[in-house]
Amino acid sequence: MKVPVVILAVLGVAFGNPLPTRSLQDDLNDFLALVPTDKVLEIALDYLSNDKEVQEFVIYIQSEEFLKIHRTVEDLKEYKDFVRFINDLGVDVYAIINKIHEILGLPPFEPKKDIRRGVGINGLIDDVIAVLPLEDLRALFDRKLETSEDFRALVKAIQSPEFANIVETLRALPEYQRLLQSLRDKGVDVDRIIELLRALFGLPPH
């Protein structure tokens, strides 16, 4: 079946395309090198092939209802400001977004049945997190803060009041909240994902 493989698309961009700032690219690639890509892809494809909740979620995010919400958010000035802010830090976020927009046709896949432990979207997320070397990633994060000026500048920018204001403005928009709620209604623990990302960059919880 045709699916927008969001996880695979993001990984494909991350591992395949150079970022415009060479030294920042090196920093980010050091983190990506710790991610067991084959295991993550195997988990994602297994869920896409065998899990009903994940398959229904994929159908939903291809639906006109979701695409209409998505287009509304992307047309917002606040969203464009958010994307531009990230891009100006040296991350080619436009390439990632454009990759996510693609709809791919997946070949037949015979999954290994023993790699799955959970059910649904949250099970997929839990299983992916379970194969990540979190302690190594955190240690590398701390080391980069000490040794890389570019990486330190990236984290400082994300922790800045300017970025916080952009995020809060986006969060306050009804269209954005509707987008999040539509994902929650499909079983996605959006709030947990957001808090994990905030914790990664040392941001306070909401």
N, C-alpha and C. Protein backbone atom coordinates (compact mmCIF):
# COMPACT_ATOMS: atom_id res chain seq x y z
N MET A 1 0.84 -1.18 0.00
CA MET A 1 0.00 0.00 0.00
C MET A 1 0.87 1.23 0.00
N LYS A 2 0.26 2.36 -0.43
CA LYS A 2 1.02 3.60 -0.46
C LYS A 2 0.95 4.26 0.91
N VAL A 3 2.08 4.65 1.46
CA VAL A 3 2.10 5.28 2.78
C VAL A 3 3.07 6.43 2.79
N PRO A 4 2.77 7.52 3.55
CA PRO A 4 3.74 8.57 3.77
C PRO A 4 4.65 8.13 4.90
N VAL A 5 5.81 7.66 4.60
CA VAL A 5 6.67 7.05 5.61
C VAL A 5 7.43 8.16 6.33
N VAL A 6 6.79 8.75 7.32
CA VAL A 6 7.35 9.92 7.99
C VAL A 6 8.68 9.59 8.66
N ILE A 7 8.70 8.50 9.41
CA ILE A 7 9.93 8.15 10.11
C ILE A 7 11.04 7.85 9.12
N LEU A 8 10.73 7.07 8.10
CA LEU A 8 11.74 6.71 7.11
C LEU A 8 12.20 7.93 6.34
N ALA A 9 11.28 8.83 6.04
CA ALA A 9 11.65 10.03 5.29
C ALA A 9 12.59 10.91 6.08
N VAL A 10 12.27 11.11 7.35
CA VAL A 10 13.14 11.95 8.19
C VAL A 10 14.52 11.33 8.32
N LEU A 11 14.56 10.01 8.54
CA LEU A 11 15.86 9.34 8.63
C LEU A 11 16.61 9.44 7.31
N GLY A 12 15.89 9.31 6.20
CA GLY A 12 16.54 9.40 4.90
C GLY A 12 17.19 10.74 4.68
N VAL A 13 16.51 11.81 5.06
CA VAL A 13 17.10 13.14 4.93
C VAL A 13 18.27 13.30 5.87
N ALA A 14 18.08 12.83 7.11
CA ALA A 14 19.12 13.02 8.12
C ALA A 14 20.42 12.33 7.74
N PHE A 15 20.31 11.14 7.16
CA PHE A 15 21.51 10.37 6.84
C PHE A 15 22.01 10.62 5.43
N GLY A 16 21.14 11.19 4.57
CA GLY A 16 21.52 11.29 3.18
C GLY A 16 21.91 12.66 2.69
N ASN A 17 21.43 13.72 3.33
CA ASN A 17 21.66 15.06 2.81
C ASN A 17 22.56 15.86 3.72
N PRO A 18 23.58 16.54 3.19
CA PRO A 18 24.43 17.38 4.01
C PRO A 18 23.69 18.62 4.47
N LEU A 19 24.01 19.08 5.67
CA LEU A 19 23.48 20.33 6.16
C LEU A 19 24.38 21.46 5.71
N PRO A 20 23.81 22.69 5.60
CA PRO A 20 24.58 23.78 5.02
C PRO A 20 25.79 24.20 5.85
N THR A 21 25.73 24.01 7.16
CA THR A 21 26.85 24.39 8.00
C THR A 21 27.68 23.15 8.30
N ARG A 22 28.90 23.11 7.77
CA ARG A 22 29.69 21.89 7.83
C ARG A 22 29.94 21.45 9.26
N SER A 23 30.38 22.36 10.14
CA SER A 23 30.72 21.97 11.50
C SER A 23 29.48 21.53 12.27
N LEU A 24 28.34 22.19 12.04
CA LEU A 24 27.10 21.77 12.69
C LEU A 24 26.65 20.42 12.15
N GLN A 25 26.84 20.20 10.86
CA GLN A 25 26.53 18.90 10.27
C GLN A 25 27.31 17.79 10.97
N ASP A 26 28.59 18.03 11.20
CA ASP A 26 29.41 17.02 11.87
C ASP A 26 28.86 16.71 13.26
N ASP A 27 28.46 17.76 13.98
CA ASP A 27 27.91 17.55 15.32
C ASP A 27 26.65 16.70 15.28
N LEU A 28 25.73 17.05 14.39
CA LEU A 28 24.47 16.30 14.30
C LEU A 28 24.69 14.88 13.80
N ASN A 29 25.63 14.72 12.87
CA ASN A 29 25.92 13.37 12.36
C ASN A 29 26.51 12.47 13.44
N ASP A 30 27.22 13.06 14.40
CA ASP A 30 27.74 12.26 15.52
C ASP A 30 26.59 11.64 16.31
N PHE A 31 25.51 12.41 16.49
CA PHE A 31 24.34 11.86 17.17
C PHE A 31 23.67 10.79 16.31
N LEU A 32 23.51 11.07 15.03
CA LEU A 32 22.85 10.11 14.13
C LEU A 32 23.62 8.80 14.04
N ALA A 33 24.94 8.88 14.18
CA ALA A 33 25.76 7.67 14.09
C ALA A 33 25.46 6.71 15.23
N LEU A 34 24.92 7.22 16.35
CA LEU A 34 24.60 6.37 17.49
C LEU A 34 23.23 5.69 17.36
N VAL A 35 22.42 6.16 16.42
CA VAL A 35 21.08 5.60 16.26
C VAL A 35 21.16 4.30 15.45
N PRO A 36 20.63 3.20 15.97
CA PRO A 36 20.63 1.92 15.23
C PRO A 36 19.59 1.96 14.12
N THR A 37 19.97 2.57 13.00
CA THR A 37 19.02 2.85 11.91
C THR A 37 18.31 1.59 11.42
N ASP A 38 19.04 0.51 11.23
CA ASP A 38 18.43 -0.72 10.72
C ASP A 38 17.32 -1.21 11.65
N LYS A 39 17.58 -1.14 12.96
CA LYS A 39 16.57 -1.59 13.93
C LYS A 39 15.35 -0.67 13.90
N VAL A 40 15.60 0.64 13.81
CA VAL A 40 14.48 1.59 13.77
C VAL A 40 13.63 1.36 12.53
N LEU A 41 14.27 1.17 11.37
CA LEU A 41 13.54 0.91 10.14
C LEU A 41 12.77 -0.40 10.21
N GLU A 42 13.41 -1.41 10.80
CA GLU A 42 12.76 -2.71 10.92
C GLU A 42 11.51 -2.61 11.78
N ILE A 43 11.62 -1.89 12.90
CA ILE A 43 10.47 -1.70 13.77
C ILE A 43 9.36 -0.95 13.04
N ALA A 44 9.73 0.15 12.37
CA ALA A 44 8.73 0.97 11.68
C ALA A 44 8.01 0.18 10.59
N LEU A 45 8.77 -0.56 9.80
CA LEU A 45 8.17 -1.34 8.72
C LEU A 45 7.29 -2.46 9.26
N ASP A 46 7.70 -3.04 10.38
CA ASP A 46 6.91 -4.10 11.00
C ASP A 46 5.54 -3.57 11.41
N TYR A 47 5.55 -2.42 12.06
CA TYR A 47 4.28 -1.82 12.46
C TYR A 47 3.43 -1.44 11.24
N LEU A 48 4.07 -0.87 10.23
CA LEU A 48 3.33 -0.48 9.03
C LEU A 48 2.69 -1.68 8.34
N SER A 49 3.35 -2.82 8.43
CA SER A 49 2.87 -4.01 7.74
C SER A 49 1.84 -4.79 8.55
N ASN A 50 1.90 -4.69 9.89
CA ASN A 50 1.14 -5.63 10.71
C ASN A 50 0.23 -5.02 11.76
N ASP A 51 0.41 -3.77 12.10
CA ASP A 51 -0.36 -3.19 13.20
C ASP A 51 -1.55 -2.40 12.66
N LYS A 52 -2.77 -2.78 13.05
CA LYS A 52 -3.98 -2.16 12.52
C LYS A 52 -4.07 -0.69 12.90
N GLU A 53 -3.72 -0.36 14.14
CA GLU A 53 -3.82 1.04 14.57
C GLU A 53 -2.87 1.93 13.78
N VAL A 54 -1.66 1.44 13.56
CA VAL A 54 -0.69 2.21 12.78
C VAL A 54 -1.18 2.37 11.34
N GLN A 55 -1.73 1.30 10.77
CA GLN A 55 -2.24 1.36 9.40
C GLN A 55 -3.41 2.34 9.29
N GLU A 56 -4.29 2.35 10.30
CA GLU A 56 -5.40 3.30 10.29
C GLU A 56 -4.89 4.73 10.43
N PHE A 57 -3.84 4.90 11.24
CA PHE A 57 -3.25 6.22 11.40
C PHE A 57 -2.67 6.71 10.07
N VAL A 58 -2.00 5.80 9.35
CA VAL A 58 -1.41 6.16 8.05
C VAL A 58 -2.51 6.55 7.06
N ILE A 59 -3.60 5.80 7.07
CA ILE A 59 -4.73 6.15 6.20
C ILE A 59 -5.28 7.52 6.56
N TYR A 60 -5.36 7.79 7.86
CA TYR A 60 -5.90 9.08 8.30
C TYR A 60 -5.03 10.24 7.84
N ILE A 61 -3.70 10.12 7.98
CA ILE A 61 -2.85 11.25 7.62
C ILE A 61 -2.73 11.42 6.11
N GLN A 62 -3.32 10.48 5.35
CA GLN A 62 -3.45 10.67 3.90
C GLN A 62 -4.81 11.24 3.52
N SER A 63 -5.70 11.34 4.51
CA SER A 63 -7.07 11.76 4.22
C SER A 63 -7.14 13.26 3.95
N GLU A 64 -8.20 13.66 3.27
CA GLU A 64 -8.41 15.08 2.96
C GLU A 64 -8.63 15.87 4.25
N GLU A 65 -9.27 15.25 5.25
CA GLU A 65 -9.50 15.93 6.52
C GLU A 65 -8.19 16.38 7.16
N PHE A 66 -7.24 15.43 7.27
CA PHE A 66 -5.96 15.78 7.89
C PHE A 66 -5.15 16.72 7.01
N LEU A 67 -5.15 16.47 5.70
CA LEU A 67 -4.37 17.32 4.79
C LEU A 67 -4.87 18.75 4.83
N LYS A 68 -6.18 18.94 4.99
CA LYS A 68 -6.73 20.29 5.09
C LYS A 68 -6.21 20.98 6.34
N ILE A 69 -6.21 20.26 7.47
CA ILE A 69 -5.67 20.83 8.71
C ILE A 69 -4.19 21.15 8.54
N HIS A 70 -3.47 20.21 7.95
CA HIS A 70 -2.03 20.37 7.75
C HIS A 70 -1.72 21.58 6.88
N ARG A 71 -2.47 21.73 5.79
CA ARG A 71 -2.25 22.88 4.90
C ARG A 71 -2.56 24.19 5.61
N THR A 72 -3.60 24.18 6.44
CA THR A 72 -3.96 25.40 7.17
C THR A 72 -2.83 25.83 8.09
N VAL A 73 -2.24 24.86 8.80
CA VAL A 73 -1.12 25.18 9.70
C VAL A 73 0.08 25.67 8.91
N GLU A 74 0.39 25.01 7.80
CA GLU A 74 1.56 25.41 7.01
C GLU A 74 1.42 26.80 6.40
N ASP A 75 0.19 27.23 6.19
CA ASP A 75 -0.03 28.56 5.61
C ASP A 75 0.08 29.68 6.64
N LEU A 76 0.14 29.31 7.91
CA LEU A 76 0.19 30.33 8.96
C LEU A 76 1.55 31.03 8.98
N LYS A 77 1.52 32.33 9.18
CA LYS A 77 2.76 33.10 9.28
C LYS A 77 3.60 32.59 10.46
N GLU A 78 2.94 32.25 11.57
CA GLU A 78 3.66 31.81 12.75
C GLU A 78 4.41 30.50 12.49
N TYR A 79 3.77 29.62 11.74
CA TYR A 79 4.44 28.36 11.39
C TYR A 79 5.65 28.63 10.50
N LYS A 80 5.48 29.52 9.53
CA LYS A 80 6.59 29.86 8.64
C LYS A 80 7.74 30.50 9.41
N ASP A 81 7.41 31.32 10.43
CA ASP A 81 8.45 31.91 11.28
C ASP A 81 9.21 30.82 12.04
N PHE A 82 8.46 29.83 12.52
CA PHE A 82 9.07 28.72 13.25
C PHE A 82 10.04 27.95 12.36
N VAL A 83 9.59 27.62 11.15
CA VAL A 83 10.44 26.87 10.22
C VAL A 83 11.66 27.69 9.82
N ARG A 84 11.46 28.96 9.57
CA ARG A 84 12.57 29.83 9.17
C ARG A 84 13.60 29.93 10.30
N PHE A 85 13.14 30.00 11.53
CA PHE A 85 14.04 30.09 12.68
C PHE A 85 14.96 28.88 12.73
N ILE A 86 14.37 27.68 12.58
CA ILE A 86 15.17 26.45 12.59
C ILE A 86 16.13 26.43 11.41
N ASN A 87 15.65 26.82 10.24
CA ASN A 87 16.49 26.82 9.05
C ASN A 87 17.68 27.76 9.20
N ASP A 88 17.45 28.91 9.82
CA ASP A 88 18.51 29.89 10.00
C ASP A 88 19.60 29.41 10.95
N LEU A 89 19.28 28.40 11.76
CA LEU A 89 20.28 27.83 12.66
C LEU A 89 21.27 26.93 11.91
N GLY A 90 20.96 26.63 10.65
CA GLY A 90 21.84 25.80 9.85
C GLY A 90 21.31 24.41 9.59
N VAL A 91 20.07 24.15 9.98
CA VAL A 91 19.43 22.85 9.73
C VAL A 91 18.52 22.99 8.52
N ASP A 92 18.71 22.14 7.51
CA ASP A 92 17.92 22.22 6.29
C ASP A 92 16.54 21.62 6.53
N VAL A 93 15.76 22.33 7.34
CA VAL A 93 14.45 21.82 7.73
C VAL A 93 13.49 21.78 6.55
N TYR A 94 13.71 22.60 5.55
CA TYR A 94 12.83 22.58 4.37
C TYR A 94 12.96 21.25 3.63
N ALA A 95 14.16 20.73 3.54
CA ALA A 95 14.35 19.44 2.88
C ALA A 95 13.62 18.34 3.64
N ILE A 96 13.65 18.41 4.98
CA ILE A 96 12.96 17.41 5.79
C ILE A 96 11.46 17.50 5.58
N ILE A 97 10.92 18.71 5.63
CA ILE A 97 9.48 18.89 5.44
C ILE A 97 9.05 18.41 4.07
N ASN A 98 9.81 18.76 3.04
CA ASN A 98 9.45 18.35 1.68
C ASN A 98 9.51 16.83 1.53
N LYS A 99 10.48 16.21 2.23
CA LYS A 99 10.58 14.75 2.18
C LYS A 99 9.36 14.10 2.83
N ILE A 100 8.93 14.66 3.96
CA ILE A 100 7.76 14.14 4.65
C ILE A 100 6.52 14.25 3.78
N HIS A 101 6.47 15.25 2.94
CA HIS A 101 5.31 15.47 2.08
C HIS A 101 5.18 14.39 1.00
N GLU A 102 6.24 13.70 0.71
CA GLU A 102 6.17 12.68 -0.34
C GLU A 102 5.35 11.48 0.11
N ILE A 103 4.67 10.89 -0.81
CA ILE A 103 3.95 9.63 -0.55
C ILE A 103 4.64 8.52 -1.34
N LEU A 104 5.14 7.52 -0.58
CA LEU A 104 5.93 6.46 -1.19
C LEU A 104 5.13 5.16 -1.29
N GLY A 105 5.44 4.35 -2.32
CA GLY A 105 4.89 3.00 -2.42
C GLY A 105 5.90 2.01 -1.87
N LEU A 106 5.53 1.30 -0.77
CA LEU A 106 6.45 0.37 -0.13
C LEU A 106 6.39 -1.01 -0.78
N PRO A 107 7.54 -1.66 -1.00
CA PRO A 107 7.54 -3.03 -1.52
C PRO A 107 7.08 -4.01 -0.44
N PRO A 108 6.74 -5.25 -0.83
CA PRO A 108 6.34 -6.25 0.17
C PRO A 108 7.41 -6.42 1.23
N PHE A 109 7.00 -6.60 2.46
CA PHE A 109 7.95 -6.73 3.56
C PHE A 109 7.53 -7.87 4.46
N GLU A 110 8.46 -8.74 4.76
CA GLU A 110 8.21 -9.84 5.68
C GLU A 110 8.90 -9.52 7.00
N PRO A 111 8.15 -9.06 7.98
CA PRO A 111 8.77 -8.62 9.24
C PRO A 111 9.20 -9.78 10.11
N LYS A 112 10.14 -9.49 10.98
CA LYS A 112 10.50 -10.44 12.03
C LYS A 112 9.51 -10.26 13.17
N LYS A 113 8.79 -11.29 13.48
CA LYS A 113 7.71 -11.18 14.45
C LYS A 113 8.19 -10.90 15.87
N ASP A 114 9.46 -11.23 16.15
CA ASP A 114 9.91 -11.13 17.54
C ASP A 114 10.40 -9.74 17.92
N ILE A 115 10.41 -8.78 16.97
CA ILE A 115 10.92 -7.47 17.34
C ILE A 115 9.82 -6.57 17.91
N ARG A 116 8.54 -6.99 17.80
CA ARG A 116 7.46 -6.15 18.27
C ARG A 116 7.08 -6.50 19.70
N ARG A 117 6.86 -5.46 20.51
CA ARG A 117 6.44 -5.67 21.88
C ARG A 117 5.15 -4.93 22.20
N GLY A 118 4.92 -3.81 21.52
CA GLY A 118 3.77 -2.99 21.83
C GLY A 118 2.67 -3.11 20.79
N VAL A 119 1.71 -2.18 20.90
CA VAL A 119 0.58 -2.14 19.98
C VAL A 119 0.33 -0.69 19.61
N GLY A 120 0.05 -0.44 18.33
CA GLY A 120 -0.35 0.89 17.92
C GLY A 120 0.78 1.89 17.82
N ILE A 121 0.38 3.17 17.65
CA ILE A 121 1.35 4.24 17.48
C ILE A 121 2.27 4.36 18.69
N ASN A 122 1.70 4.33 19.88
CA ASN A 122 2.52 4.47 21.08
C ASN A 122 3.43 3.27 21.28
N GLY A 123 2.97 2.10 20.87
CA GLY A 123 3.84 0.93 20.92
C GLY A 123 5.02 1.08 19.99
N LEU A 124 4.77 1.60 18.79
CA LEU A 124 5.85 1.86 17.84
C LEU A 124 6.88 2.81 18.44
N ILE A 125 6.38 3.91 19.04
CA ILE A 125 7.28 4.90 19.65
C ILE A 125 8.09 4.26 20.77
N ASP A 126 7.42 3.49 21.63
CA ASP A 126 8.12 2.85 22.75
C ASP A 126 9.19 1.88 22.25
N ASP A 127 8.88 1.11 21.21
CA ASP A 127 9.84 0.13 20.70
C ASP A 127 11.04 0.81 20.06
N VAL A 128 10.81 1.93 19.38
CA VAL A 128 11.93 2.68 18.80
C VAL A 128 12.81 3.25 19.91
N ILE A 129 12.17 3.86 20.92
CA ILE A 129 12.94 4.43 22.03
C ILE A 129 13.76 3.35 22.73
N ALA A 130 13.20 2.14 22.80
CA ALA A 130 13.87 1.05 23.50
C ALA A 130 15.19 0.65 22.85
N VAL A 131 15.35 0.88 21.54
CA VAL A 131 16.60 0.49 20.88
C VAL A 131 17.58 1.66 20.78
N LEU A 132 17.19 2.84 21.25
CA LEU A 132 18.11 3.98 21.20
C LEU A 132 19.06 3.95 22.40
N PRO A 133 20.33 4.24 22.17
CA PRO A 133 21.30 4.30 23.28
C PRO A 133 21.19 5.65 23.99
N LEU A 134 20.16 5.79 24.84
CA LEU A 134 19.83 7.09 25.41
C LEU A 134 20.97 7.67 26.25
N GLU A 135 21.64 6.83 27.04
CA GLU A 135 22.74 7.33 27.86
C GLU A 135 23.89 7.83 27.00
N ASP A 136 24.19 7.10 25.94
CA ASP A 136 25.26 7.53 25.03
C ASP A 136 24.89 8.82 24.32
N LEU A 137 23.63 8.93 23.91
CA LEU A 137 23.18 10.16 23.25
C LEU A 137 23.26 11.35 24.19
N ARG A 138 22.88 11.14 25.45
CA ARG A 138 22.92 12.23 26.42
C ARG A 138 24.37 12.62 26.72
N ALA A 139 25.24 11.62 26.85
CA ALA A 139 26.65 11.91 27.10
C ALA A 139 27.27 12.68 25.94
N LEU A 140 26.92 12.28 24.72
CA LEU A 140 27.43 13.00 23.55
C LEU A 140 26.89 14.42 23.50
N PHE A 141 25.63 14.58 23.86
CA PHE A 141 25.02 15.91 23.92
C PHE A 141 25.81 16.81 24.87
N ASP A 142 26.08 16.31 26.07
CA ASP A 142 26.83 17.10 27.05
C ASP A 142 28.24 17.40 26.57
N ARG A 143 28.87 16.42 25.92
CA ARG A 143 30.23 16.63 25.43
C ARG A 143 30.25 17.68 24.33
N LYS A 144 29.25 17.65 23.45
CA LYS A 144 29.19 18.64 22.38
C LYS A 144 28.99 20.05 22.93
N LEU A 145 28.22 20.15 24.01
CA LEU A 145 28.03 21.46 24.62
C LEU A 145 29.35 22.04 25.10
N GLU A 146 30.26 21.17 25.51
CA GLU A 146 31.55 21.63 26.02
C GLU A 146 32.56 21.87 24.92
N THR A 147 32.48 21.11 23.83
CA THR A 147 33.56 21.14 22.84
C THR A 147 33.22 21.81 21.51
N SER A 148 31.94 21.99 21.21
CA SER A 148 31.56 22.53 19.91
C SER A 148 30.85 23.87 20.05
N GLU A 149 31.45 24.90 19.52
CA GLU A 149 30.85 26.23 19.58
C GLU A 149 29.55 26.29 18.78
N ASP A 150 29.54 25.65 17.60
CA ASP A 150 28.34 25.67 16.77
C ASP A 150 27.18 24.94 17.42
N PHE A 151 27.46 23.78 18.01
CA PHE A 151 26.40 23.03 18.66
C PHE A 151 25.89 23.78 19.89
N ARG A 152 26.81 24.38 20.62
CA ARG A 152 26.43 25.17 21.79
C ARG A 152 25.52 26.34 21.38
N ALA A 153 25.84 26.96 20.23
CA ALA A 153 25.02 28.06 19.73
C ALA A 153 23.63 27.58 19.33
N LEU A 154 23.57 26.37 18.74
CA LEU A 154 22.28 25.80 18.36
C LEU A 154 21.39 25.59 19.58
N VAL A 155 21.95 24.97 20.62
CA VAL A 155 21.18 24.71 21.84
C VAL A 155 20.78 26.01 22.51
N LYS A 156 21.70 26.97 22.54
CA LYS A 156 21.41 28.27 23.15
C LYS A 156 20.26 28.96 22.43
N ALA A 157 20.25 28.86 21.08
CA ALA A 157 19.17 29.48 20.31
C ALA A 157 17.83 28.82 20.61
N ILE A 158 17.83 27.50 20.72
CA ILE A 158 16.59 26.77 21.01
C ILE A 158 16.09 27.09 22.41
N GLN A 159 17.00 27.37 23.33
CA GLN A 159 16.63 27.69 24.70
C GLN A 159 16.38 29.19 24.91
N SER A 160 16.49 29.97 23.86
CA SER A 160 16.38 31.43 23.97
C SER A 160 14.93 31.89 24.12
N PRO A 161 14.72 33.07 24.73
CA PRO A 161 13.37 33.63 24.82
C PRO A 161 12.73 33.84 23.45
N GLU A 162 13.54 34.20 22.45
CA GLU A 162 13.01 34.41 21.11
C GLU A 162 12.35 33.15 20.58
N PHE A 163 13.05 32.02 20.71
CA PHE A 163 12.49 30.75 20.24
C PHE A 163 11.27 30.37 21.07
N ALA A 164 11.34 30.59 22.39
CA ALA A 164 10.21 30.28 23.27
C ALA A 164 8.97 31.06 22.85
N ASN A 165 9.16 32.32 22.49
CA ASN A 165 8.03 33.15 22.06
C ASN A 165 7.42 32.62 20.76
N ILE A 166 8.29 32.20 19.83
CA ILE A 166 7.79 31.64 18.57
C ILE A 166 6.97 30.38 18.83
N VAL A 167 7.49 29.51 19.69
CA VAL A 167 6.79 28.26 20.01
C VAL A 167 5.46 28.54 20.70
N GLU A 168 5.48 29.45 21.69
CA GLU A 168 4.26 29.76 22.42
C GLU A 168 3.21 30.38 21.51
N THR A 169 3.64 31.22 20.58
CA THR A 169 2.70 31.82 19.62
C THR A 169 2.06 30.74 18.76
N LEU A 170 2.88 29.78 18.33
CA LEU A 170 2.37 28.67 17.52
C LEU A 170 1.41 27.81 18.34
N ARG A 171 1.77 27.51 19.59
CA ARG A 171 0.94 26.65 20.44
C ARG A 171 -0.42 27.28 20.73
N ALA A 172 -0.46 28.60 20.76
CA ALA A 172 -1.71 29.29 21.10
C ALA A 172 -2.72 29.31 19.96
N LEU A 173 -2.29 28.96 18.77
CA LEU A 173 -3.18 29.03 17.61
C LEU A 173 -4.20 27.88 17.62
N PRO A 174 -5.48 28.18 17.41
CA PRO A 174 -6.49 27.11 17.37
C PRO A 174 -6.19 26.06 16.31
N GLU A 175 -5.66 26.50 15.17
CA GLU A 175 -5.37 25.55 14.09
C GLU A 175 -4.31 24.53 14.52
N TYR A 176 -3.30 25.02 15.25
CA TYR A 176 -2.24 24.12 15.72
C TYR A 176 -2.78 23.16 16.77
N GLN A 177 -3.60 23.65 17.69
CA GLN A 177 -4.19 22.79 18.71
C GLN A 177 -5.11 21.75 18.08
N ARG A 178 -5.80 22.15 17.01
CA ARG A 178 -6.66 21.19 16.33
C ARG A 178 -5.83 20.09 15.68
N LEU A 179 -4.68 20.46 15.13
CA LEU A 179 -3.79 19.47 14.54
C LEU A 179 -3.32 18.48 15.59
N LEU A 180 -2.88 18.99 16.76
CA LEU A 180 -2.43 18.10 17.84
C LEU A 180 -3.57 17.21 18.32
N GLN A 181 -4.77 17.79 18.48
CA GLN A 181 -5.89 17.01 18.98
C GLN A 181 -6.28 15.91 18.00
N SER A 182 -6.17 16.20 16.70
CA SER A 182 -6.51 15.18 15.71
C SER A 182 -5.56 13.99 15.81
N LEU A 183 -4.29 14.26 16.16
CA LEU A 183 -3.33 13.17 16.35
C LEU A 183 -3.61 12.42 17.65
N ARG A 184 -3.97 13.16 18.71
CA ARG A 184 -4.34 12.51 19.98
C ARG A 184 -5.53 11.57 19.77
N ASP A 185 -6.49 12.03 18.99
CA ASP A 185 -7.69 11.22 18.75
C ASP A 185 -7.37 9.92 18.03
N LYS A 186 -6.21 9.88 17.35
CA LYS A 186 -5.79 8.66 16.65
C LYS A 186 -4.83 7.82 17.50
N GLY A 187 -4.73 8.17 18.78
CA GLY A 187 -3.94 7.35 19.69
C GLY A 187 -2.50 7.77 19.86
N VAL A 188 -2.10 8.90 19.30
CA VAL A 188 -0.71 9.36 19.41
C VAL A 188 -0.55 10.14 20.71
N ASP A 189 0.42 9.74 21.53
CA ASP A 189 0.71 10.45 22.78
C ASP A 189 1.56 11.68 22.46
N VAL A 190 0.90 12.68 21.88
CA VAL A 190 1.59 13.88 21.41
C VAL A 190 2.31 14.58 22.55
N ASP A 191 1.64 14.69 23.69
CA ASP A 191 2.22 15.43 24.81
C ASP A 191 3.50 14.77 25.32
N ARG A 192 3.52 13.46 25.33
CA ARG A 192 4.74 12.76 25.76
C ARG A 192 5.88 13.03 24.79
N ILE A 193 5.60 12.99 23.49
CA ILE A 193 6.63 13.25 22.49
C ILE A 193 7.19 14.66 22.65
N ILE A 194 6.29 15.63 22.85
CA ILE A 194 6.73 17.01 23.01
C ILE A 194 7.61 17.15 24.24
N GLU A 195 7.21 16.52 25.34
CA GLU A 195 8.01 16.62 26.57
C GLU A 195 9.37 15.95 26.42
N LEU A 196 9.43 14.84 25.68
CA LEU A 196 10.72 14.19 25.42
C LEU A 196 11.65 15.12 24.65
N LEU A 197 11.11 15.80 23.65
CA LEU A 197 11.92 16.72 22.85
C LEU A 197 12.36 17.92 23.69
N ARG A 198 11.47 18.41 24.54
CA ARG A 198 11.84 19.54 25.40
C ARG A 198 12.94 19.13 26.38
N ALA A 199 12.82 17.94 26.94
CA ALA A 199 13.83 17.46 27.89
C ALA A 199 15.18 17.30 27.21
N LEU A 200 15.18 16.85 25.96
CA LEU A 200 16.43 16.65 25.23
C LEU A 200 17.24 17.93 25.15
N PHE A 201 16.54 19.06 24.97
CA PHE A 201 17.24 20.33 24.82
C PHE A 201 17.23 21.17 26.10
N GLY A 202 16.91 20.52 27.22
CA GLY A 202 16.99 21.22 28.49
C GLY A 202 15.92 22.27 28.68
N LEU A 203 14.77 22.12 28.01
CA LEU A 203 13.68 23.08 28.16
C LEU A 203 12.75 22.62 29.28
N PRO A 204 12.16 23.55 30.03
CA PRO A 204 11.26 23.16 31.12
C PRO A 204 10.00 22.53 30.59
N PRO A 205 9.40 21.61 31.34
CA PRO A 205 8.15 20.97 30.89
C PRO A 205 6.99 21.96 30.92
N HIS A 206 5.98 21.67 30.11
CA HIS A 206 4.77 22.50 30.12
C HIS A 206 3.80 21.96 31.15
